[in-house]
Amino acid sequence: MKKTILLLFCAVLFVSLNSNAQSSSSTITTAVVTVDPAVYQDYVGKYKFKEAPFEEVIVTIKDNKMYGEAVGQGSAELAPTKETSTDNEIYEVVGYGGTTKFIRDSNRKVIKVILNIQGNDLEGEKVVE
């Protein structure tokens, strides 16, 4: 009888530990988002800001990655997020805890960017060159 209770206890403990390990590992997974680097070309250029601690952001591409440089403030990679899609063009400002959202007009031309850093939205108009 003692052996049966001990075996039953061990089986319940094993099942409990196994299910906890599986649920823990599933919450740790990170989504990998792939974006065709050719899409980045639409965003390349200068964006002028009126009410920001910098006057402009310059978006460039290097080694199939996109970067944004806030003139006088530094540069950061703009990486796709799990929300990035053709209808929701949001990118993470890596290392700064922010996001950029590119806005297009009715002709699908990028016309501005909204930079969200620490809960503040800063809007920049794309400069036509």
Protein backbone atom coordinates (compact mmCIF):
# COMPACT_ATOMS: atom_id res chain seq x y z
CA MET A 1 0.00 0.00 0.00
CA LYS A 2 2.82 2.40 0.92
CA LYS A 3 4.54 1.61 -2.38
CA THR A 4 1.37 2.38 -4.34
CA ILE A 5 0.89 5.72 -2.59
CA LEU A 6 4.57 6.58 -3.08
CA LEU A 7 4.40 5.69 -6.80
CA LEU A 8 1.18 7.69 -7.21
CA PHE A 9 2.77 10.70 -5.44
CA CYS A 10 5.88 10.48 -7.67
CA ALA A 11 3.74 10.23 -10.81
CA VAL A 12 1.68 13.31 -9.84
CA LEU A 13 4.86 15.22 -8.98
CA PHE A 14 6.48 14.26 -12.32
CA VAL A 15 3.41 15.28 -14.34
CA SER A 16 3.19 18.57 -12.43
CA LEU A 17 6.87 19.41 -12.94
CA ASN A 18 6.73 18.43 -16.62
CA SER A 19 3.69 20.63 -17.33
CA ASN A 20 5.31 23.59 -15.51
CA ALA A 21 8.49 23.17 -17.57
CA GLN A 22 6.49 23.10 -20.81
CA SER A 23 4.44 26.19 -19.94
CA SER A 24 7.57 28.08 -18.85
CA SER A 25 9.42 27.30 -22.06
CA SER A 26 6.49 28.43 -24.19
CA THR A 27 6.45 31.87 -22.56
CA ILE A 28 10.16 32.40 -23.24
CA THR A 29 9.96 32.03 -27.02
CA THR A 30 10.78 35.09 -29.10
CA ALA A 31 9.08 35.80 -32.41
CA VAL A 32 11.43 36.22 -35.34
CA VAL A 33 10.11 38.69 -37.89
CA THR A 34 11.43 38.70 -41.42
CA VAL A 35 11.03 41.75 -43.64
CA ASP A 36 12.30 42.01 -47.20
CA PRO A 37 15.13 44.59 -46.99
CA ALA A 38 13.90 46.05 -50.31
CA VAL A 39 10.96 47.48 -48.32
CA TYR A 40 13.41 49.60 -46.32
CA GLN A 41 14.22 51.64 -49.43
CA ASP A 42 10.79 53.33 -49.12
CA TYR A 43 11.79 54.73 -45.72
CA VAL A 44 15.28 56.01 -46.62
CA GLY A 45 15.67 59.77 -46.38
CA LYS A 46 15.44 62.75 -44.04
CA TYR A 47 12.54 63.51 -41.73
CA LYS A 48 12.14 67.03 -40.27
CA PHE A 49 10.83 67.40 -36.71
CA LYS A 50 9.35 70.62 -35.30
CA GLU A 51 8.80 69.83 -31.61
CA ALA A 52 11.62 67.48 -30.70
CA PRO A 53 15.06 67.69 -29.06
CA PHE A 54 16.52 67.20 -32.58
CA GLU A 55 15.71 68.77 -35.93
CA GLU A 56 15.89 65.73 -38.16
CA VAL A 57 16.21 61.98 -38.38
CA ILE A 58 18.09 60.38 -41.25
CA VAL A 59 17.05 56.83 -42.19
CA THR A 60 19.65 54.71 -43.98
CA ILE A 61 20.31 51.07 -44.88
CA LYS A 62 23.53 49.23 -44.14
CA ASP A 63 24.13 45.46 -44.50
CA ASN A 64 20.39 44.84 -45.09
CA LYS A 65 19.48 46.57 -41.81
CA MET A 66 17.74 49.89 -41.38
CA TYR A 67 19.11 52.64 -39.12
CA GLY A 68 17.77 55.94 -37.88
CA GLU A 69 20.07 58.76 -36.80
CA ALA A 70 18.63 61.58 -34.78
CA VAL A 71 21.07 64.33 -35.73
CA GLY A 72 23.02 65.31 -32.63
CA GLN A 73 21.53 62.45 -30.56
CA GLY A 74 22.97 59.25 -32.02
CA SER A 75 22.01 56.35 -34.23
CA ALA A 76 20.07 53.11 -33.68
CA GLU A 77 18.92 50.11 -35.65
CA LEU A 78 15.24 50.17 -36.65
CA ALA A 79 14.28 46.49 -36.38
CA PRO A 80 11.00 44.82 -37.38
CA THR A 81 8.67 43.84 -34.54
CA LYS A 82 5.97 41.21 -34.33
CA GLU A 83 3.52 44.01 -35.28
CA THR A 84 5.39 44.89 -38.47
CA SER A 85 3.37 44.27 -41.64
CA THR A 86 2.59 46.05 -44.89
CA ASP A 87 -0.37 47.75 -43.19
CA ASN A 88 1.34 48.39 -39.85
CA GLU A 89 4.84 49.67 -40.45
CA ILE A 90 6.18 49.71 -36.90
CA TYR A 91 9.87 49.17 -36.11
CA GLU A 92 11.71 48.99 -32.79
CA VAL A 93 14.34 51.64 -32.03
CA VAL A 94 16.88 49.13 -30.72
CA GLY A 95 18.53 50.15 -27.45
CA TYR A 96 16.23 53.11 -26.80
CA GLY A 97 12.98 51.38 -25.83
CA GLY A 98 11.03 53.13 -28.56
CA THR A 99 9.28 52.55 -31.85
CA THR A 100 8.94 54.21 -35.22
CA LYS A 101 5.80 54.06 -37.30
CA PHE A 102 6.01 55.05 -40.94
CA ILE A 103 2.93 56.67 -42.47
CA ARG A 104 2.01 56.49 -46.17
CA ASP A 105 -0.33 58.63 -48.26
CA SER A 106 -3.13 57.30 -50.48
CA ASN A 107 -0.54 56.58 -53.21
CA ARG A 108 1.44 54.36 -50.76
CA LYS A 109 4.31 56.87 -50.62
CA VAL A 110 5.99 57.31 -47.21
CA ILE A 111 5.26 60.87 -46.06
CA LYS A 112 6.12 60.89 -42.34
CA VAL A 113 7.31 58.97 -39.32
CA ILE A 114 6.01 58.92 -35.77
CA LEU A 115 8.76 58.25 -33.25
CA ASN A 116 7.58 57.05 -29.84
CA ILE A 117 10.21 57.30 -27.12
CA GLN A 118 9.30 56.90 -23.43
CA GLY A 119 5.60 57.38 -24.18
CA ASN A 120 6.09 60.60 -26.18
CA ASP A 121 5.08 60.77 -29.85
CA LEU A 122 7.30 62.93 -32.06
CA GLU A 123 6.19 63.44 -35.65
CA GLY A 124 8.54 64.09 -38.54
CA GLU A 125 7.66 64.95 -42.14
CA LYS A 126 9.68 63.26 -44.88
CA VAL A 127 11.77 65.74 -46.85
CA VAL A 128 11.30 65.46 -50.61
CA GLU A 129 14.68 65.74 -52.30
